[in-house]
Amino acid sequence: MTFTEQMAAAPDSDAGRVIWKALDVAIHDLEVRHGLPPTIGVGGSGYGYRGFSTVTMDEWRARCRFVPDLRKLVDDGYAMAAPWSELLAAETAAQLADHEAHAATADEPTQGSLFSEAD
């Protein structure tokens, strides 16, 4: 099952994040296995964690010349964008609905006085 198929079948955005991480690990491991410094993952930027979406198309093209199987993973990563966007949209809608429900039931804030009579 491709990463795109997994993303399309993911029940929610948390599962989608796990799938993105698995793609990042697969690309990282493939590059390291071919003797290249990793483009993504831990140490990908030299300072911390670098994700798939932060790598430019030119960087991917250059890498694909050296790592034959990388092209399939990169294409799969770009194909995951549509189902990932749907998962994020659903998550955002749910968060907004929760916020609106909370706002509708919350007590109106009251303005307190800066100085009380007791002071």
PDB file of N, CA and C in Angstrom:
ATOM      1  N   MET A   1       0.840  -1.174   0.000  1.00  0.00           N
ATOM      2  CA  MET A   1       0.000   0.000   0.000  1.00  0.00           C
ATOM      3  C   MET A   1       0.890   1.243   0.000  1.00  0.00           C
ATOM      4  N   THR A   2       0.643   2.161  -0.907  1.00  0.00           N
ATOM      5  CA  THR A   2       1.459   3.371  -0.992  1.00  0.00           C
ATOM      6  C   THR A   2       1.109   4.320   0.153  1.00  0.00           C
ATOM      7  N   PHE A   3       1.972   5.290   0.356  1.00  0.00           N
ATOM      8  CA  PHE A   3       1.693   6.288   1.383  1.00  0.00           C
ATOM      9  C   PHE A   3       0.441   7.086   1.026  1.00  0.00           C
ATOM     10  N   THR A   4       0.223   7.338  -0.244  1.00  0.00           N
ATOM     11  CA  THR A   4      -0.971   8.063  -0.682  1.00  0.00           C
ATOM     12  C   THR A   4      -2.234   7.262  -0.377  1.00  0.00           C
ATOM     13  N   GLU A   5      -2.201   5.984  -0.631  1.00  0.00           N
ATOM     14  CA  GLU A   5      -3.353   5.134  -0.316  1.00  0.00           C
ATOM     15  C   GLU A   5      -3.607   5.098   1.191  1.00  0.00           C
ATOM     16  N   GLN A   6      -2.533   5.046   1.960  1.00  0.00           N
ATOM     17  CA  GLN A   6      -2.681   5.071   3.417  1.00  0.00           C
ATOM     18  C   GLN A   6      -3.291   6.390   3.876  1.00  0.00           C
ATOM     19  N   MET A   7      -2.840   7.498   3.273  1.00  0.00           N
ATOM     20  CA  MET A   7      -3.359   8.813   3.648  1.00  0.00           C
ATOM     21  C   MET A   7      -4.835   8.919   3.292  1.00  0.00           C
ATOM     22  N   ALA A   8      -5.214   8.406   2.132  1.00  0.00           N
ATOM     23  CA  ALA A   8      -6.616   8.454   1.713  1.00  0.00           C
ATOM     24  C   ALA A   8      -7.501   7.625   2.648  1.00  0.00           C
ATOM     25  N   ALA A   9      -6.944   6.583   3.239  1.00  0.00           N
ATOM     26  CA  ALA A   9      -7.709   5.718   4.135  1.00  0.00           C
ATOM     27  C   ALA A   9      -7.599   6.143   5.604  1.00  0.00           C
ATOM     28  N   ALA A  10      -6.807   7.160   5.881  1.00  0.00           N
ATOM     29  CA  ALA A  10      -6.592   7.580   7.268  1.00  0.00           C
ATOM     30  C   ALA A  10      -7.889   8.114   7.872  1.00  0.00           C
ATOM     31  N   PRO A  11      -8.171   7.720   9.117  1.00  0.00           N
ATOM     32  CA  PRO A  11      -9.417   8.155   9.744  1.00  0.00           C
ATOM     33  C   PRO A  11      -9.416   9.613  10.202  1.00  0.00           C
ATOM     34  N   ASP A  12      -8.224  10.144  10.503  1.00  0.00           N
ATOM     35  CA  ASP A  12      -8.159  11.526  10.975  1.00  0.00           C
ATOM     36  C   ASP A  12      -6.763  12.098  10.724  1.00  0.00           C
ATOM     37  N   SER A  13      -6.597  13.378  11.055  1.00  0.00           N
ATOM     38  CA  SER A  13      -5.330  14.046  10.785  1.00  0.00           C
ATOM     39  C   SER A  13      -4.192  13.519  11.658  1.00  0.00           C
ATOM     40  N   ASP A  14      -4.492  13.017  12.840  1.00  0.00           N
ATOM     41  CA  ASP A  14      -3.426  12.435  13.663  1.00  0.00           C
ATOM     42  C   ASP A  14      -2.818  11.218  12.974  1.00  0.00           C
ATOM     43  N   ALA A  15      -3.666  10.391  12.367  1.00  0.00           N
ATOM     44  CA  ALA A  15      -3.166   9.250  11.597  1.00  0.00           C
ATOM     45  C   ALA A  15      -2.383   9.746  10.388  1.00  0.00           C
ATOM     46  N   GLY A  16      -2.834  10.833   9.783  1.00  0.00           N
ATOM     47  CA  GLY A  16      -2.117  11.422   8.651  1.00  0.00           C
ATOM     48  C   GLY A  16      -0.727  11.897   9.034  1.00  0.00           C
ATOM     49  N   ARG A  17      -0.600  12.452  10.221  1.00  0.00           N
ATOM     50  CA  ARG A  17       0.721  12.896  10.693  1.00  0.00           C
ATOM     51  C   ARG A  17       1.672  11.710  10.861  1.00  0.00           C
ATOM     52  N   VAL A  18       1.146  10.597  11.317  1.00  0.00           N
ATOM     53  CA  VAL A  18       1.962   9.386  11.458  1.00  0.00           C
ATOM     54  C   VAL A  18       2.426   8.915  10.079  1.00  0.00           C
ATOM     55  N   ILE A  19       1.553   9.020   9.080  1.00  0.00           N
ATOM     56  CA  ILE A  19       1.912   8.607   7.719  1.00  0.00           C
ATOM     57  C   ILE A  19       2.978   9.531   7.150  1.00  0.00           C
ATOM     58  N   TRP A  20       2.851  10.848   7.369  1.00  0.00           N
ATOM     59  CA  TRP A  20       3.901  11.780   6.906  1.00  0.00           C
ATOM     60  C   TRP A  20       5.236  11.427   7.550  1.00  0.00           C
ATOM     61  N   LYS A  21       5.217  11.129   8.838  1.00  0.00           N
ATOM     62  CA  LYS A  21       6.455  10.780   9.542  1.00  0.00           C
ATOM     63  C   LYS A  21       7.068   9.510   8.946  1.00  0.00           C
ATOM     64  N   ALA A  22       6.220   8.538   8.611  1.00  0.00           N
ATOM     65  CA  ALA A  22       6.729   7.298   8.014  1.00  0.00           C
ATOM     66  C   ALA A  22       7.368   7.567   6.654  1.00  0.00           C
ATOM     67  N   LEU A  23       6.772   8.470   5.863  1.00  0.00           N
ATOM     68  CA  LEU A  23       7.371   8.833   4.576  1.00  0.00           C
ATOM     69  C   LEU A  23       8.717   9.513   4.796  1.00  0.00           C
ATOM     70  N   ASP A  24       8.764  10.432   5.757  1.00  0.00           N
ATOM     71  CA  ASP A  24      10.028  11.109   6.061  1.00  0.00           C
ATOM     72  C   ASP A  24      11.112  10.108   6.445  1.00  0.00           C
ATOM     73  N   VAL A  25      10.761   9.147   7.270  1.00  0.00           N
ATOM     74  CA  VAL A  25      11.729   8.132   7.712  1.00  0.00           C
ATOM     75  C   VAL A  25      12.181   7.274   6.526  1.00  0.00           C
ATOM     76  N   ALA A  26      11.251   6.903   5.652  1.00  0.00           N
ATOM     77  CA  ALA A  26      11.608   6.081   4.492  1.00  0.00           C
ATOM     78  C   ALA A  26      12.580   6.817   3.576  1.00  0.00           C
ATOM     79  N   ILE A  27      12.329   8.096   3.336  1.00  0.00           N
ATOM     80  CA  ILE A  27      13.233   8.885   2.478  1.00  0.00           C
ATOM     81  C   ILE A  27      14.582   9.055   3.160  1.00  0.00           C
ATOM     82  N   HIS A  28      14.571   9.401   4.426  1.00  0.00           N
ATOM     83  CA  HIS A  28      15.811   9.570   5.197  1.00  0.00           C
ATOM     84  C   HIS A  28      16.665   8.309   5.141  1.00  0.00           C
ATOM     85  N   ASP A  29      16.046   7.168   5.435  1.00  0.00           N
ATOM     86  CA  ASP A  29      16.785   5.901   5.454  1.00  0.00           C
ATOM     87  C   ASP A  29      17.330   5.532   4.074  1.00  0.00           C
ATOM     88  N   LEU A  30      16.563   5.795   3.028  1.00  0.00           N
ATOM     89  CA  LEU A  30      17.010   5.485   1.673  1.00  0.00           C
ATOM     90  C   LEU A  30      18.230   6.322   1.293  1.00  0.00           C
ATOM     91  N   GLU A  31      18.199   7.606   1.637  1.00  0.00           N
ATOM     92  CA  GLU A  31      19.342   8.475   1.331  1.00  0.00           C
ATOM     93  C   GLU A  31      20.582   8.041   2.111  1.00  0.00           C
ATOM     94  N   VAL A  32      20.413   7.751   3.372  1.00  0.00           N
ATOM     95  CA  VAL A  32      21.545   7.323   4.198  1.00  0.00           C
ATOM     96  C   VAL A  32      22.112   6.005   3.683  1.00  0.00           C
ATOM     97  N   ARG A  33      21.231   5.089   3.272  1.00  0.00           N
ATOM     98  CA  ARG A  33      21.681   3.803   2.731  1.00  0.00           C
ATOM     99  C   ARG A  33      22.517   3.992   1.463  1.00  0.00           C
ATOM    100  N   HIS A  34      22.259   5.068   0.711  1.00  0.00           N
ATOM    101  CA  HIS A  34      23.040   5.350  -0.492  1.00  0.00           C
ATOM    102  C   HIS A  34      24.244   6.243  -0.211  1.00  0.00           C
ATOM    103  N   GLY A  35      24.526   6.475   1.068  1.00  0.00           N
ATOM    104  CA  GLY A  35      25.726   7.225   1.438  1.00  0.00           C
ATOM    105  C   GLY A  35      25.590   8.723   1.342  1.00  0.00           C
ATOM    106  N   LEU A  36      24.370   9.240   1.274  1.00  0.00           N
ATOM    107  CA  LEU A  36      24.151  10.677   1.180  1.00  0.00           C
ATOM    108  C   LEU A  36      23.710  11.239   2.528  1.00  0.00           C
ATOM    109  N   PRO A  37      24.039  12.492   2.798  1.00  0.00           N
ATOM    110  CA  PRO A  37      23.484  13.101   4.002  1.00  0.00           C
ATOM    111  C   PRO A  37      21.972  13.257   3.818  1.00  0.00           C
ATOM    112  N   PRO A  38      21.209  13.110   4.865  1.00  0.00           N
ATOM    113  CA  PRO A  38      19.756  13.146   4.713  1.00  0.00           C
ATOM    114  C   PRO A  38      19.223  14.525   4.332  1.00  0.00           C
ATOM    115  N   THR A  39      18.240  14.531   3.437  1.00  0.00           N
ATOM    116  CA  THR A  39      17.567  15.770   3.073  1.00  0.00           C
ATOM    117  C   THR A  39      16.535  16.125   4.126  1.00  0.00           C
ATOM    118  N   ILE A  40      15.814  15.118   4.622  1.00  0.00           N
ATOM    119  CA  ILE A  40      14.774  15.354   5.614  1.00  0.00           C
ATOM    120  C   ILE A  40      14.997  14.463   6.820  1.00  0.00           C
ATOM    121  N   GLY A  41      14.270  14.747   7.849  1.00  0.00           N
ATOM    122  CA  GLY A  41      14.423  13.993   9.077  1.00  0.00           C
ATOM    123  C   GLY A  41      15.379  14.701  10.013  1.00  0.00           C
ATOM    124  N   VAL A  42      15.817  14.002  11.032  1.00  0.00           N
ATOM    125  CA  VAL A  42      16.745  14.576  11.990  1.00  0.00           C
ATOM    126  C   VAL A  42      18.060  14.847  11.290  1.00  0.00           C
ATOM    127  N   GLY A  43      18.539  16.052  11.393  1.00  0.00           N
ATOM    128  CA  GLY A  43      19.788  16.428  10.743  1.00  0.00           C
ATOM    129  C   GLY A  43      19.624  16.845   9.303  1.00  0.00           C
ATOM    130  N   GLY A  44      18.405  16.858   8.800  1.00  0.00           N
ATOM    131  CA  GLY A  44      18.179  17.234   7.413  1.00  0.00           C
ATOM    132  C   GLY A  44      18.533  18.671   7.122  1.00  0.00           C
ATOM    133  N   SER A  45      18.279  19.552   8.083  1.00  0.00           N
ATOM    134  CA  SER A  45      18.616  20.952   7.885  1.00  0.00           C
ATOM    135  C   SER A  45      19.958  21.293   8.500  1.00  0.00           C
ATOM    136  N   GLY A  46      20.508  20.363   9.245  1.00  0.00           N
ATOM    137  CA  GLY A  46      21.747  20.627   9.954  1.00  0.00           C
ATOM    138  C   GLY A  46      21.495  21.145  11.359  1.00  0.00           C
ATOM    139  N   TYR A  47      20.258  21.558  11.651  1.00  0.00           N
ATOM    140  CA  TYR A  47      19.952  22.138  12.954  1.00  0.00           C
ATOM    141  C   TYR A  47      18.860  21.393  13.707  1.00  0.00           C
ATOM    142  N   GLY A  48      17.989  20.718  13.017  1.00  0.00           N
ATOM    143  CA  GLY A  48      16.880  20.054  13.684  1.00  0.00           C
ATOM    144  C   GLY A  48      16.174  19.131  12.725  1.00  0.00           C
ATOM    145  N   TYR A  49      14.855  19.096  12.823  1.00  0.00           N
ATOM    146  CA  TYR A  49      14.065  18.216  11.961  1.00  0.00           C
ATOM    147  C   TYR A  49      13.574  18.989  10.746  1.00  0.00           C
ATOM    148  N   ARG A  50      13.730  18.412   9.581  1.00  0.00           N
ATOM    149  CA  ARG A  50      13.254  19.018   8.343  1.00  0.00           C
ATOM    150  C   ARG A  50      12.235  18.077   7.722  1.00  0.00           C
ATOM    151  N   GLY A  51      11.088  18.607   7.353  1.00  0.00           N
ATOM    152  CA  GLY A  51      10.016  17.800   6.789  1.00  0.00           C
ATOM    153  C   GLY A  51      10.005  17.823   5.268  1.00  0.00           C
ATOM    154  N   PHE A  52       9.190  16.936   4.708  1.00  0.00           N
ATOM    155  CA  PHE A  52       9.087  16.759   3.264  1.00  0.00           C
ATOM    156  C   PHE A  52       8.764  18.069   2.544  1.00  0.00           C
ATOM    157  N   SER A  53       7.806  18.808   3.065  1.00  0.00           N
ATOM    158  CA  SER A  53       7.320  19.998   2.364  1.00  0.00           C
ATOM    159  C   SER A  53       8.322  21.144   2.349  1.00  0.00           C
ATOM    160  N   THR A  54       9.380  21.059   3.142  1.00  0.00           N
ATOM    161  CA  THR A  54      10.371  22.137   3.163  1.00  0.00           C
ATOM    162  C   THR A  54      11.454  21.972   2.101  1.00  0.00           C
ATOM    163  N   VAL A  55      11.453  20.848   1.423  1.00  0.00           N
ATOM    164  CA  VAL A  55      12.458  20.578   0.388  1.00  0.00           C
ATOM    165  C   VAL A  55      11.920  21.080  -0.956  1.00  0.00           C
ATOM    166  N   THR A  56      12.740  21.834  -1.670  1.00  0.00           N
ATOM    167  CA  THR A  56      12.299  22.383  -2.956  1.00  0.00           C
ATOM    168  C   THR A  56      12.330  21.316  -4.046  1.00  0.00           C
ATOM    169  N   MET A  57      11.619  21.589  -5.120  1.00  0.00           N
ATOM    170  CA  MET A  57      11.592  20.656  -6.255  1.00  0.00           C
ATOM    171  C   MET A  57      12.991  20.485  -6.850  1.00  0.00           C
ATOM    172  N   ASP A  58      13.771  21.549  -6.892  1.00  0.00           N
ATOM    173  CA  ASP A  58      15.145  21.445  -7.406  1.00  0.00           C
ATOM    174  C   ASP A  58      15.997  20.516  -6.540  1.00  0.00           C
ATOM    175  N   GLU A  59      15.820  20.602  -5.230  1.00  0.00           N
ATOM    176  CA  GLU A  59      16.569  19.705  -4.335  1.00  0.00           C
ATOM    177  C   GLU A  59      16.170  18.254  -4.578  1.00  0.00           C
ATOM    178  N   TRP A  60      14.857  18.019  -4.752  1.00  0.00           N
ATOM    179  CA  TRP A  60      14.405  16.643  -5.009  1.00  0.00           C
ATOM    180  C   TRP A  60      14.962  16.125  -6.323  1.00  0.00           C
ATOM    181  N   ARG A  61      14.936  16.951  -7.371  1.00  0.00           N
ATOM    182  CA  ARG A  61      15.471  16.505  -8.673  1.00  0.00           C
ATOM    183  C   ARG A  61      16.935  16.110  -8.552  1.00  0.00           C
ATOM    184  N   ALA A  62      17.708  16.928  -7.845  1.00  0.00           N
ATOM    185  CA  ALA A  62      19.139  16.635  -7.681  1.00  0.00           C
ATOM    186  C   ALA A  62      19.337  15.326  -6.923  1.00  0.00           C
ATOM    187  N   ARG A  63      18.546  15.094  -5.896  1.00  0.00           N
ATOM    188  CA  ARG A  63      18.662  13.876  -5.116  1.00  0.00           C
ATOM    189  C   ARG A  63      18.251  12.642  -5.902  1.00  0.00           C
ATOM    190  N   CYS A  64      17.200  12.777  -6.712  1.00  0.00           N
ATOM    191  CA  CYS A  64      16.690  11.630  -7.468  1.00  0.00           C
ATOM    192  C   CYS A  64      17.713  11.119  -8.483  1.00  0.00           C
ATOM    193  N   ARG A  65      18.641  11.962  -8.896  1.00  0.00           N
ATOM    194  CA  ARG A  65      19.690  11.513  -9.815  1.00  0.00           C
ATOM    195  C   ARG A  65      20.634  10.523  -9.140  1.00  0.00           C
ATOM    196  N   PHE A  66      20.827  10.680  -7.847  1.00  0.00           N
ATOM    197  CA  PHE A  66      21.772   9.839  -7.114  1.00  0.00           C
ATOM    198  C   PHE A  66      21.126   8.621  -6.459  1.00  0.00           C
ATOM    199  N   VAL A  67      19.834   8.708  -6.194  1.00  0.00           N
ATOM    200  CA  VAL A  67      19.127   7.635  -5.497  1.00  0.00           C
ATOM    201  C   VAL A  67      17.968   7.168  -6.375  1.00  0.00           C
ATOM    202  N   PRO A  68      18.126   6.051  -7.063  1.00  0.00           N
ATOM    203  CA  PRO A  68      17.134   5.616  -8.049  1.00  0.00           C
ATOM    204  C   PRO A  68      15.716   5.437  -7.507  1.00  0.00           C
ATOM    205  N   ASP A  69      15.562   4.865  -6.332  1.00  0.00           N
ATOM    206  CA  ASP A  69      14.228   4.579  -5.803  1.00  0.00           C
ATOM    207  C   ASP A  69      13.574   5.782  -5.133  1.00  0.00           C
ATOM    208  N   LEU A  70      14.297   6.874  -5.016  1.00  0.00           N
ATOM    209  CA  LEU A  70      13.774   8.042  -4.324  1.00  0.00           C
ATOM    210  C   LEU A  70      12.608   8.685  -5.078  1.00  0.00           C
ATOM    211  N   ARG A  71      12.642   8.619  -6.395  1.00  0.00           N
ATOM    212  CA  ARG A  71      11.609   9.263  -7.209  1.00  0.00           C
ATOM    213  C   ARG A  71      10.205   8.768  -6.854  1.00  0.00           C
ATOM    214  N   LYS A  72      10.066   7.457  -6.619  1.00  0.00           N
ATOM    215  CA  LYS A  72       8.754   6.906  -6.265  1.00  0.00           C
ATOM    216  C   LYS A  72       8.248   7.491  -4.952  1.00  0.00           C
ATOM    217  N   LEU A  73       9.136   7.614  -3.988  1.00  0.00           N
ATOM    218  CA  LEU A  73       8.740   8.156  -2.696  1.00  0.00           C
ATOM    219  C   LEU A  73       8.386   9.639  -2.794  1.00  0.00           C
ATOM    220  N   VAL A  74       9.158  10.389  -3.553  1.00  0.00           N
ATOM    221  CA  VAL A  74       8.883  11.820  -3.719  1.00  0.00           C
ATOM    222  C   VAL A  74       7.550  12.023  -4.434  1.00  0.00           C
ATOM    223  N   ASP A  75       7.319  11.269  -5.505  1.00  0.00           N
ATOM    224  CA  ASP A  75       6.034  11.371  -6.210  1.00  0.00           C
ATOM    225  C   ASP A  75       4.875  11.013  -5.286  1.00  0.00           C
ATOM    226  N   ASP A  76       5.077   9.994  -4.479  1.00  0.00           N
ATOM    227  CA  ASP A  76       4.057   9.586  -3.523  1.00  0.00           C
ATOM    228  C   ASP A  76       3.794  10.703  -2.508  1.00  0.00           C
ATOM    229  N   GLY A  77       4.852  11.364  -2.074  1.00  0.00           N
ATOM    230  CA  GLY A  77       4.704  12.470  -1.129  1.00  0.00           C
ATOM    231  C   GLY A  77       3.873  13.607  -1.696  1.00  0.00           C
ATOM    232  N   TYR A  78       4.123  13.942  -2.961  1.00  0.00           N
ATOM    233  CA  TYR A  78       3.334  15.018  -3.582  1.00  0.00           C
ATOM    234  C   TYR A  78       1.890  14.580  -3.823  1.00  0.00           C
ATOM    235  N   ALA A  79       1.684  13.314  -4.101  1.00  0.00           N
ATOM    236  CA  ALA A  79       0.322  12.814  -4.321  1.00  0.00           C
ATOM    237  C   ALA A  79      -0.484  12.781  -3.025  1.00  0.00           C
ATOM    238  N   MET A  80       0.201  12.752  -1.889  1.00  0.00           N
ATOM    239  CA  MET A  80      -0.483  12.735  -0.596  1.00  0.00           C
ATOM    240  C   MET A  80      -1.109  14.077  -0.247  1.00  0.00           C
ATOM    241  N   ALA A  81      -0.765  15.124  -0.970  1.00  0.00           N
ATOM    242  CA  ALA A  81      -1.229  16.464  -0.625  1.00  0.00           C
ATOM    243  C   ALA A  81      -2.748  16.590  -0.615  1.00  0.00           C
ATOM    244  N   ALA A  82      -3.433  16.009  -1.592  1.00  0.00           N
ATOM    245  CA  ALA A  82      -4.893  16.148  -1.665  1.00  0.00           C
ATOM    246  C   ALA A  82      -5.603  15.462  -0.496  1.00  0.00           C
ATOM    247  N   PRO A  83      -5.325  14.179  -0.215  1.00  0.00           N
ATOM    248  CA  PRO A  83      -6.003  13.578   0.941  1.00  0.00           C
ATOM    249  C   PRO A  83      -5.586  14.219   2.265  1.00  0.00           C
ATOM    250  N   TRP A  84      -4.354  14.685   2.359  1.00  0.00           N
ATOM    251  CA  TRP A  84      -3.898  15.359   3.566  1.00  0.00           C
ATOM    252  C   TRP A  84      -4.670  16.656   3.779  1.00  0.00           C
ATOM    253  N   SER A  85      -4.889  17.403   2.710  1.00  0.00           N
ATOM    254  CA  SER A  85      -5.654  18.649   2.814  1.00  0.00           C
ATOM    255  C   SER A  85      -7.071  18.387   3.300  1.00  0.00           C
ATOM    256  N   GLU A  86      -7.668  17.293   2.842  1.00  0.00           N
ATOM    257  CA  GLU A  86      -9.018  16.938   3.292  1.00  0.00           C
ATOM    258  C   GLU A  86      -9.027  16.612   4.786  1.00  0.00           C
ATOM    259  N   LEU A  87      -8.013  15.888   5.251  1.00  0.00           N
ATOM    260  CA  LEU A  87      -7.935  15.569   6.677  1.00  0.00           C
ATOM    261  C   LEU A  87      -7.757  16.833   7.517  1.00  0.00           C
ATOM    262  N   LEU A  88      -6.910  17.739   7.047  1.00  0.00           N
ATOM    263  CA  LEU A  88      -6.702  18.984   7.780  1.00  0.00           C
ATOM    264  C   LEU A  88      -7.959  19.843   7.796  1.00  0.00           C
ATOM    265  N   ALA A  89      -8.674  19.877   6.677  1.00  0.00           N
ATOM    266  CA  ALA A  89      -9.918  20.653   6.617  1.00  0.00           C
ATOM    267  C   ALA A  89     -10.941  20.100   7.605  1.00  0.00           C
ATOM    268  N   ALA A  90     -11.033  18.788   7.706  1.00  0.00           N
ATOM    269  CA  ALA A  90     -11.956  18.163   8.659  1.00  0.00           C
ATOM    270  C   ALA A  90     -11.540  18.484  10.093  1.00  0.00           C
ATOM    271  N   GLU A  91     -10.242  18.441  10.373  1.00  0.00           N
ATOM    272  CA  GLU A  91      -9.751  18.769  11.711  1.00  0.00           C
ATOM    273  C   GLU A  91     -10.052  20.225  12.055  1.00  0.00           C
ATOM    274  N   THR A  92      -9.816  21.127  11.129  1.00  0.00           N
ATOM    275  CA  THR A  92     -10.079  22.544  11.353  1.00  0.00           C
ATOM    276  C   THR A  92     -11.563  22.798  11.586  1.00  0.00           C
ATOM    277  N   ALA A  93     -12.419  22.155  10.798  1.00  0.00           N
ATOM    278  CA  ALA A  93     -13.866  22.310  10.969  1.00  0.00           C
ATOM    279  C   ALA A  93     -14.313  21.810  12.341  1.00  0.00           C
ATOM    280  N   ALA A  94     -13.758  20.694  12.795  1.00  0.00           N
ATOM    281  CA  ALA A  94     -14.109  20.150  14.105  1.00  0.00           C
ATOM    282  C   ALA A  94     -13.642  21.084  15.222  1.00  0.00           C
ATOM    283  N   GLN A  95     -12.441  21.624  15.082  1.00  0.00           N
ATOM    284  CA  GLN A  95     -11.930  22.546  16.092  1.00  0.00           C
ATOM    285  C   GLN A  95     -12.771  23.820  16.145  1.00  0.00           C
ATOM    286  N   LEU A  96     -13.160  24.323  14.983  1.00  0.00           N
ATOM    287  CA  LEU A  96     -13.989  25.525  14.923  1.00  0.00           C
ATOM    288  C   LEU A  96     -15.360  25.262  15.544  1.00  0.00           C
ATOM    289  N   ALA A  97     -15.935  24.110  15.263  1.00  0.00           N
ATOM    290  CA  ALA A  97     -17.231  23.758  15.842  1.00  0.00           C
ATOM    291  C   ALA A  97     -17.128  23.664  17.365  1.00  0.00           C
ATOM    292  N   ASP A  98     -16.051  23.062  17.871  1.00  0.00           N
ATOM    293  CA  ASP A  98     -15.845  22.985  19.321  1.00  0.00           C
ATOM    294  C   ASP A  98     -15.719  24.372  19.923  1.00  0.00           C
ATOM    295  N   HIS A  99     -14.982  25.228  19.255  1.00  0.00           N
ATOM    296  CA  HIS A  99     -14.784  26.594  19.739  1.00  0.00           C
ATOM    297  C   HIS A  99     -16.106  27.350  19.773  1.00  0.00           C
ATOM    298  N   GLU A 100     -16.880  27.229  18.699  1.00  0.00           N
ATOM    299  CA  GLU A 100     -18.163  27.927  18.638  1.00  0.00           C
ATOM    300  C   GLU A 100     -19.142  27.385  19.671  1.00  0.00           C
ATOM    301  N   ALA A 101     -19.134  26.080  19.901  1.00  0.00           N
ATOM    302  CA  ALA A 101     -20.007  25.492  20.914  1.00  0.00           C
ATOM    303  C   ALA A 101     -19.620  25.984  22.304  1.00  0.00           C
ATOM    304  N   HIS A 102     -18.332  26.074  22.553  1.00  0.00           N
ATOM    305  CA  HIS A 102     -17.863  26.561  23.844  1.00  0.00           C
ATOM    306  C   HIS A 102     -18.204  28.043  24.017  1.00  0.00           C
ATOM    307  N   ALA A 103     -18.016  28.820  22.967  1.00  0.00           N
ATOM    308  CA  ALA A 103     -18.305  30.246  23.036  1.00  0.00           C
ATOM    309  C   ALA A 103     -19.790  30.495  23.277  1.00  0.00           C
ATOM    310  N   ALA A 104     -20.648  29.648  22.736  1.00  0.00           N
ATOM    311  CA  ALA A 104     -22.092  29.827  22.894  1.00  0.00           C
ATOM    312  C   ALA A 104     -22.549  29.505  24.317  1.00  0.00           C
ATOM    313  N   THR A 105     -21.841  28.614  24.984  1.00  0.00           N
ATOM    314  CA  THR A 105     -22.264  28.218  26.333  1.00  0.00           C
ATOM    315  C   THR A 105     -21.481  28.927  27.432  1.00  0.00           C
ATOM    316  N   ALA A 106     -20.439  29.615  27.085  1.00  0.00           N
ATOM    317  CA  ALA A 106     -19.603  30.273  28.099  1.00  0.00           C
ATOM    318  C   ALA A 106     -20.306  31.513  28.641  1.00  0.00           C
ATOM    319  N   ASP A 107     -20.076  31.792  29.894  1.00  0.00           N
ATOM    320  CA  ASP A 107     -20.601  33.013  30.495  1.00  0.00           C
ATOM    321  C   ASP A 107     -19.890  34.208  29.889  1.00  0.00           C
ATOM    322  N   GLU A 108     -20.638  35.273  29.741  1.00  0.00           N
ATOM    323  CA  GLU A 108     -20.034  36.496  29.223  1.00  0.00           C
ATOM    324  C   GLU A 108     -19.010  37.002  30.235  1.00  0.00           C
ATOM    325  N   PRO A 109     -17.867  37.397  29.787  1.00  0.00           N
ATOM    326  CA  PRO A 109     -16.888  37.933  30.724  1.00  0.00           C
ATOM    327  C   PRO A 109     -17.386  39.263  31.296  1.00  0.00           C
ATOM    328  N   THR A 110     -17.055  39.506  32.519  1.00  0.00           N
ATOM    329  CA  THR A 110     -17.465  40.766  33.134  1.00  0.00           C
ATOM    330  C   THR A 110     -16.250  41.641  33.310  1.00  0.00           C
ATOM    331  N   GLN A 111     -16.493  42.916  33.253  1.00  0.00           N
ATOM    332  CA  GLN A 111     -15.407  43.875  33.445  1.00  0.00           C
ATOM    333  C   GLN A 111     -15.240  44.091  34.927  1.00  0.00           C
ATOM    334  N   GLY A 112     -14.098  43.747  35.440  1.00  0.00           N
ATOM    335  CA  GLY A 112     -13.828  43.993  36.846  1.00  0.00           C
ATOM    336  C   GLY A 112     -13.358  45.413  37.041  1.00  0.00           C
ATOM    337  N   SER A 113     -13.544  45.908  38.214  1.00  0.00           N
ATOM    338  CA  SER A 113     -13.065  47.276  38.457  1.00  0.00           C
ATOM    339  C   SER A 113     -11.580  47.241  38.774  1.00  0.00           C
ATOM    340  N   LEU A 114     -10.912  48.262  38.363  1.00  0.00           N
ATOM    341  CA  LEU A 114      -9.472  48.331  38.590  1.00  0.00           C
ATOM    342  C   LEU A 114      -9.180  48.516  40.078  1.00  0.00           C
ATOM    343  N   PHE A 115      -9.998  49.323  40.706  1.00  0.00           N
ATOM    344  CA  PHE A 115      -9.836  49.570  42.129  1.00  0.00           C
ATOM    345  C   PHE A 115     -11.115  49.186  42.843  1.00  0.00           C
ATOM    346  N   SER A 116     -10.983  48.455  43.892  1.00  0.00           N
ATOM    347  CA  SER A 116     -12.179  48.089  44.649  1.00  0.00           C
ATOM    348  C   SER A 116     -12.397  49.135  45.743  1.00  0.00           C
ATOM    349  N   GLU A 117     -13.597  49.165  46.268  1.00  0.00           N
ATOM    350  CA  GLU A 117     -13.942  50.119  47.309  1.00  0.00           C
ATOM    351  C   GLU A 117     -13.120  49.882  48.572  1.00  0.00           C
ATOM    352  N   ALA A 118     -12.684  48.629  48.780  1.00  0.00           N
ATOM    353  CA  ALA A 118     -11.961  48.301  50.008  1.00  0.00           C
ATOM    354  C   ALA A 118     -10.575  48.887  50.029  1.00  0.00           C
ATOM    355  N   ASP A 119     -10.023  49.231  48.849  1.00  0.00           N
ATOM    356  CA  ASP A 119      -8.645  49.754  48.813  1.00  0.00           C
ATOM    357  C   ASP A 119      -8.529  51.114  49.386  1.00  0.00           C
TER     358      ASP A 119
END
